[in-house]
N, C-alpha and C. Protein backbone atom coordinates (compact mmCIF):
# COMPACT_ATOMS: atom_id res chain seq x y z
N GLU A 1 129.02 28.09 -18.38
CA GLU A 1 130.18 27.23 -18.16
C GLU A 1 130.67 27.38 -16.72
N VAL A 2 130.77 26.25 -16.05
CA VAL A 2 131.26 26.26 -14.67
C VAL A 2 132.77 26.52 -14.67
N GLN A 3 133.18 27.47 -13.85
CA GLN A 3 134.60 27.77 -13.74
C GLN A 3 134.98 27.98 -12.27
N LEU A 4 136.15 27.49 -11.91
CA LEU A 4 136.74 27.75 -10.61
C LEU A 4 138.18 28.18 -10.86
N VAL A 5 138.56 29.31 -10.30
CA VAL A 5 139.89 29.86 -10.54
C VAL A 5 140.53 30.19 -9.20
N GLU A 6 141.62 29.48 -8.92
CA GLU A 6 142.36 29.70 -7.68
C GLU A 6 143.39 30.81 -7.85
N SER A 7 143.68 31.49 -6.77
CA SER A 7 144.73 32.49 -6.76
C SER A 7 145.22 32.65 -5.33
N GLY A 8 146.34 33.35 -5.18
CA GLY A 8 146.84 33.66 -3.86
C GLY A 8 148.02 32.83 -3.40
N GLY A 9 148.41 31.86 -4.20
CA GLY A 9 149.57 31.06 -3.83
C GLY A 9 150.86 31.85 -3.98
N GLY A 10 151.95 31.23 -3.55
CA GLY A 10 153.24 31.89 -3.66
C GLY A 10 154.26 31.27 -2.74
N LEU A 11 155.36 31.96 -2.58
CA LEU A 11 156.45 31.52 -1.71
C LEU A 11 156.34 32.25 -0.37
N VAL A 12 156.38 31.50 0.70
CA VAL A 12 156.26 32.08 2.03
C VAL A 12 157.22 31.35 2.97
N GLN A 13 157.71 32.05 3.95
CA GLN A 13 158.61 31.43 4.92
C GLN A 13 157.82 30.61 5.94
N PRO A 14 158.46 29.64 6.54
CA PRO A 14 157.79 28.88 7.61
C PRO A 14 157.28 29.83 8.69
N GLY A 15 156.08 29.56 9.15
CA GLY A 15 155.44 30.43 10.13
C GLY A 15 154.62 31.55 9.51
N GLY A 16 154.74 31.72 8.22
CA GLY A 16 154.01 32.79 7.55
C GLY A 16 152.57 32.41 7.22
N SER A 17 151.89 33.32 6.54
CA SER A 17 150.49 33.14 6.21
C SER A 17 150.23 33.43 4.74
N LEU A 18 149.21 32.80 4.23
CA LEU A 18 148.71 33.08 2.88
C LEU A 18 147.19 32.94 2.91
N ARG A 19 146.53 33.67 2.03
CA ARG A 19 145.10 33.48 1.84
C ARG A 19 144.85 33.12 0.37
N LEU A 20 144.33 31.93 0.18
CA LEU A 20 143.97 31.48 -1.16
C LEU A 20 142.53 31.86 -1.46
N SER A 21 142.27 32.14 -2.72
CA SER A 21 140.92 32.46 -3.17
C SER A 21 140.52 31.48 -4.26
N CYS A 22 139.25 31.15 -4.27
CA CYS A 22 138.66 30.31 -5.33
C CYS A 22 137.46 31.09 -5.87
N ALA A 23 137.67 31.77 -6.97
CA ALA A 23 136.59 32.53 -7.60
C ALA A 23 135.82 31.63 -8.54
N THR A 24 134.50 31.63 -8.40
CA THR A 24 133.68 30.72 -9.19
C THR A 24 132.69 31.48 -10.06
N SER A 25 132.22 30.79 -11.09
CA SER A 25 131.21 31.36 -11.97
C SER A 25 130.51 30.23 -12.71
N GLY A 26 129.35 30.55 -13.27
CA GLY A 26 128.65 29.59 -14.11
C GLY A 26 127.69 28.67 -13.39
N PHE A 27 127.44 28.89 -12.11
CA PHE A 27 126.48 28.07 -11.38
C PHE A 27 125.97 28.86 -10.18
N THR A 28 124.93 28.33 -9.55
CA THR A 28 124.36 28.97 -8.37
C THR A 28 125.23 28.65 -7.17
N PHE A 29 126.03 29.59 -6.79
CA PHE A 29 127.12 29.36 -5.84
C PHE A 29 126.63 28.79 -4.52
N ASP A 30 125.54 29.34 -3.96
CA ASP A 30 125.15 28.93 -2.61
C ASP A 30 124.37 27.61 -2.59
N GLU A 31 124.37 26.88 -3.70
CA GLU A 31 123.75 25.55 -3.74
C GLU A 31 124.79 24.44 -3.78
N HIS A 32 126.07 24.81 -3.68
CA HIS A 32 127.13 23.81 -3.83
C HIS A 32 128.19 23.97 -2.76
N ALA A 33 128.62 22.84 -2.20
CA ALA A 33 129.78 22.86 -1.32
C ALA A 33 131.04 23.07 -2.16
N ILE A 34 132.02 23.70 -1.54
CA ILE A 34 133.31 23.91 -2.18
C ILE A 34 134.40 23.36 -1.26
N THR A 35 135.34 22.68 -1.85
CA THR A 35 136.38 21.99 -1.11
C THR A 35 137.76 22.41 -1.59
N TRP A 36 138.69 22.47 -0.65
CA TRP A 36 140.11 22.64 -1.00
C TRP A 36 140.80 21.28 -0.85
N VAL A 37 141.57 20.94 -1.86
CA VAL A 37 142.36 19.71 -1.91
C VAL A 37 143.77 20.11 -2.31
N ARG A 38 144.75 19.42 -1.79
CA ARG A 38 146.12 19.76 -2.18
C ARG A 38 146.88 18.52 -2.62
N GLN A 39 147.94 18.76 -3.37
CA GLN A 39 148.81 17.68 -3.83
C GLN A 39 150.25 18.11 -3.67
N ALA A 40 150.93 17.47 -2.74
CA ALA A 40 152.34 17.74 -2.51
C ALA A 40 153.18 17.04 -3.57
N PRO A 41 154.40 17.50 -3.79
CA PRO A 41 155.26 16.89 -4.81
C PRO A 41 155.42 15.39 -4.60
N GLY A 42 155.12 14.62 -5.62
CA GLY A 42 155.30 13.19 -5.55
C GLY A 42 154.28 12.44 -4.73
N LYS A 43 153.21 13.14 -4.30
CA LYS A 43 152.19 12.49 -3.47
C LYS A 43 150.82 12.60 -4.11
N GLY A 44 149.87 11.90 -3.52
CA GLY A 44 148.51 11.93 -4.02
C GLY A 44 147.72 13.12 -3.51
N LEU A 45 146.48 13.19 -3.90
CA LEU A 45 145.61 14.27 -3.46
C LEU A 45 145.28 14.11 -1.98
N GLU A 46 145.24 15.24 -1.28
CA GLU A 46 144.93 15.25 0.14
C GLU A 46 143.81 16.26 0.39
N TRP A 47 142.73 15.80 0.98
CA TRP A 47 141.63 16.70 1.33
C TRP A 47 142.08 17.65 2.42
N VAL A 48 141.73 18.94 2.26
CA VAL A 48 142.13 19.97 3.21
C VAL A 48 140.93 20.47 4.01
N SER A 49 139.91 20.95 3.30
CA SER A 49 138.79 21.58 3.99
C SER A 49 137.60 21.72 3.05
N THR A 50 136.41 21.71 3.63
CA THR A 50 135.17 21.86 2.87
C THR A 50 134.26 22.86 3.53
N ALA A 51 133.65 23.72 2.72
CA ALA A 51 132.61 24.63 3.19
C ALA A 51 131.29 24.19 2.58
N SER A 52 130.33 23.86 3.43
CA SER A 52 129.03 23.43 2.95
C SER A 52 128.33 24.57 2.22
N TRP A 53 127.23 24.24 1.51
CA TRP A 53 126.68 25.20 0.56
C TRP A 53 126.11 26.46 1.19
N ASN A 54 125.24 26.38 2.12
CA ASN A 54 124.69 27.63 2.62
C ASN A 54 124.28 27.55 4.07
N ASP A 55 124.83 26.58 4.81
CA ASP A 55 124.41 26.44 6.19
C ASP A 55 125.52 26.76 7.18
N GLY A 56 126.65 27.22 6.67
CA GLY A 56 127.73 27.64 7.54
C GLY A 56 128.62 26.54 8.06
N PHE A 57 128.33 25.29 7.74
CA PHE A 57 129.17 24.20 8.24
C PHE A 57 130.48 24.15 7.49
N THR A 58 131.55 23.93 8.24
CA THR A 58 132.88 23.78 7.66
C THR A 58 133.55 22.54 8.24
N TYR A 59 134.45 21.98 7.47
CA TYR A 59 135.12 20.74 7.85
C TYR A 59 136.60 20.86 7.52
N TYR A 60 137.43 20.25 8.37
CA TYR A 60 138.87 20.35 8.18
C TYR A 60 139.54 19.00 8.39
N ALA A 61 140.62 18.79 7.66
CA ALA A 61 141.50 17.67 7.98
C ALA A 61 142.14 17.97 9.33
N GLY A 62 142.33 16.91 10.13
CA GLY A 62 142.77 17.12 11.50
C GLY A 62 144.04 17.91 11.64
N SER A 63 144.98 17.66 10.77
CA SER A 63 146.29 18.31 10.90
C SER A 63 146.26 19.79 10.56
N MET A 64 145.18 20.25 9.97
CA MET A 64 145.10 21.64 9.53
C MET A 64 144.05 22.44 10.27
N LYS A 65 143.30 21.77 11.13
CA LYS A 65 142.15 22.41 11.74
C LYS A 65 142.51 23.66 12.52
N ASP A 66 143.64 23.65 13.20
CA ASP A 66 144.00 24.78 14.05
C ASP A 66 144.75 25.87 13.31
N ARG A 67 145.10 25.64 12.07
CA ARG A 67 145.89 26.61 11.32
C ARG A 67 145.18 27.19 10.10
N PHE A 68 144.23 26.46 9.56
CA PHE A 68 143.54 26.88 8.34
C PHE A 68 142.09 27.26 8.65
N THR A 69 141.60 28.23 7.92
CA THR A 69 140.20 28.63 8.05
C THR A 69 139.59 28.79 6.66
N ILE A 70 138.51 28.07 6.42
CA ILE A 70 137.80 28.20 5.16
C ILE A 70 136.60 29.11 5.36
N SER A 71 136.32 29.91 4.37
CA SER A 71 135.16 30.79 4.45
C SER A 71 134.62 31.02 3.04
N ARG A 72 133.37 31.40 2.96
CA ARG A 72 132.80 31.68 1.65
C ARG A 72 132.06 32.99 1.68
N ASP A 73 132.17 33.71 0.58
CA ASP A 73 131.46 34.96 0.39
C ASP A 73 130.44 34.73 -0.71
N ASN A 74 129.19 34.55 -0.32
CA ASN A 74 128.16 34.22 -1.30
C ASN A 74 127.81 35.41 -2.20
N ASP A 75 128.20 36.60 -1.80
CA ASP A 75 127.98 37.76 -2.67
C ASP A 75 129.02 37.83 -3.79
N LYS A 76 130.22 37.34 -3.49
CA LYS A 76 131.30 37.37 -4.48
C LYS A 76 131.53 36.03 -5.15
N ASN A 77 130.73 35.02 -4.78
CA ASN A 77 130.88 33.67 -5.34
C ASN A 77 132.31 33.16 -5.19
N THR A 78 132.88 33.40 -4.05
CA THR A 78 134.28 33.08 -3.80
C THR A 78 134.44 32.36 -2.47
N VAL A 79 135.34 31.39 -2.46
CA VAL A 79 135.71 30.70 -1.24
C VAL A 79 137.17 31.01 -0.94
N TYR A 80 137.46 31.21 0.33
CA TYR A 80 138.81 31.54 0.75
C TYR A 80 139.37 30.44 1.65
N LEU A 81 140.69 30.33 1.65
CA LEU A 81 141.37 29.46 2.59
C LEU A 81 142.49 30.28 3.23
N GLN A 82 142.28 30.68 4.46
CA GLN A 82 143.29 31.39 5.21
C GLN A 82 144.21 30.38 5.87
N MET A 83 145.48 30.46 5.56
CA MET A 83 146.46 29.50 6.06
C MET A 83 147.48 30.24 6.92
N ASN A 84 147.56 29.87 8.18
CA ASN A 84 148.48 30.50 9.11
C ASN A 84 149.51 29.49 9.60
N ASN A 85 150.60 30.02 10.14
CA ASN A 85 151.66 29.17 10.69
C ASN A 85 152.04 28.06 9.71
N LEU A 86 152.33 28.47 8.51
CA LEU A 86 152.61 27.48 7.46
C LEU A 86 153.90 26.73 7.73
N LYS A 87 153.90 25.48 7.32
CA LYS A 87 155.04 24.59 7.52
C LYS A 87 155.52 24.08 6.18
N SER A 88 156.74 23.58 6.15
CA SER A 88 157.29 23.10 4.89
C SER A 88 156.41 21.99 4.29
N GLU A 89 155.78 21.21 5.14
CA GLU A 89 154.94 20.12 4.65
C GLU A 89 153.62 20.60 4.04
N ASP A 90 153.36 21.90 4.14
CA ASP A 90 152.18 22.46 3.48
C ASP A 90 152.47 22.80 2.02
N THR A 91 153.71 22.66 1.61
CA THR A 91 154.07 22.91 0.21
C THR A 91 153.31 21.95 -0.70
N ALA A 92 152.56 22.51 -1.63
CA ALA A 92 151.71 21.70 -2.50
C ALA A 92 151.03 22.61 -3.51
N VAL A 93 150.43 21.98 -4.49
CA VAL A 93 149.47 22.68 -5.35
C VAL A 93 148.11 22.55 -4.69
N TYR A 94 147.44 23.66 -4.52
CA TYR A 94 146.14 23.68 -3.87
C TYR A 94 145.05 23.88 -4.93
N TYR A 95 144.09 23.00 -4.89
CA TYR A 95 142.98 23.04 -5.83
C TYR A 95 141.67 23.29 -5.08
N CYS A 96 140.77 24.01 -5.71
CA CYS A 96 139.41 24.05 -5.19
C CYS A 96 138.53 23.22 -6.13
N ALA A 97 137.51 22.63 -5.54
CA ALA A 97 136.63 21.75 -6.29
C ALA A 97 135.19 21.97 -5.86
N ARG A 98 134.28 21.85 -6.80
CA ARG A 98 132.85 22.00 -6.52
C ARG A 98 132.21 20.64 -6.34
N SER A 99 131.26 20.58 -5.41
CA SER A 99 130.46 19.37 -5.26
C SER A 99 129.15 19.51 -6.01
N PRO A 100 128.59 18.40 -6.47
CA PRO A 100 127.25 18.46 -7.09
C PRO A 100 126.22 19.00 -6.10
N TYR A 101 125.07 19.39 -6.60
CA TYR A 101 124.00 19.97 -5.79
C TYR A 101 123.65 19.07 -4.60
N SER A 102 123.66 19.62 -3.40
CA SER A 102 123.26 18.94 -2.17
C SER A 102 124.11 17.72 -1.83
N ILE A 103 125.30 17.64 -2.36
CA ILE A 103 126.23 16.55 -2.05
C ILE A 103 127.49 17.16 -1.48
N LEU A 104 128.06 16.50 -0.50
CA LEU A 104 129.20 17.10 0.19
C LEU A 104 130.53 16.49 -0.22
N TRP A 105 130.61 15.21 -0.42
CA TRP A 105 131.88 14.52 -0.53
C TRP A 105 132.18 13.97 -1.91
N GLU A 106 131.61 14.56 -2.92
CA GLU A 106 131.98 14.25 -4.30
C GLU A 106 132.29 15.57 -4.99
N TYR A 107 133.07 15.50 -6.06
CA TYR A 107 133.51 16.72 -6.73
C TYR A 107 133.31 16.56 -8.23
N ASP A 108 132.71 17.57 -8.85
CA ASP A 108 132.46 17.44 -10.28
C ASP A 108 133.20 18.47 -11.13
N TYR A 109 133.67 19.54 -10.55
CA TYR A 109 134.47 20.52 -11.28
C TYR A 109 135.65 20.94 -10.42
N TRP A 110 136.79 21.16 -11.09
CA TRP A 110 138.02 21.52 -10.40
C TRP A 110 138.62 22.78 -11.02
N GLY A 111 139.35 23.52 -10.20
CA GLY A 111 140.15 24.60 -10.72
C GLY A 111 141.50 24.09 -11.20
N GLN A 112 142.32 25.01 -11.67
CA GLN A 112 143.61 24.63 -12.25
C GLN A 112 144.70 24.52 -11.20
N GLY A 113 144.46 25.04 -10.00
CA GLY A 113 145.41 24.93 -8.91
C GLY A 113 146.28 26.17 -8.76
N THR A 114 146.77 26.36 -7.54
CA THR A 114 147.72 27.43 -7.25
C THR A 114 148.83 26.87 -6.37
N GLN A 115 150.05 27.20 -6.70
CA GLN A 115 151.21 26.64 -6.01
C GLN A 115 151.49 27.40 -4.71
N VAL A 116 151.65 26.65 -3.65
CA VAL A 116 152.09 27.19 -2.36
C VAL A 116 153.42 26.53 -2.01
N THR A 117 154.42 27.36 -1.80
CA THR A 117 155.74 26.85 -1.42
C THR A 117 156.14 27.49 -0.10
N VAL A 118 156.42 26.65 0.88
CA VAL A 118 156.82 27.12 2.20
C VAL A 118 158.29 26.76 2.38
N SER A 119 159.12 27.78 2.38
CA SER A 119 160.56 27.54 2.44
C SER A 119 161.27 28.79 2.95
N SER A 120 162.37 28.56 3.64
CA SER A 120 163.18 29.68 4.10
C SER A 120 164.29 29.98 3.09
């Protein structure tokens, strides 16, 4: 059974940092891209960042490129999202999603999400 479980969310002050984790199981981890997507209150889904399956390529939404870093640990089957200099507009539920084999921009499995709240 494919599973993705996010963790690491919480309440942080503006300018602070958080590291989100997406622990996966049930599939061959290094054959699938993993993506972070977020949903702010009252808004639609917003793509944040993608880590390709095993070639080291990473992709970011423009507004987050200088503040967020995605990485994957193929030994732990986990993808991380390091978020620095957080802003109130980063408040959202953050989801990780798996892409089908050798596909980058489609998603077939999702985690349950982790809440990130940026507030003073």
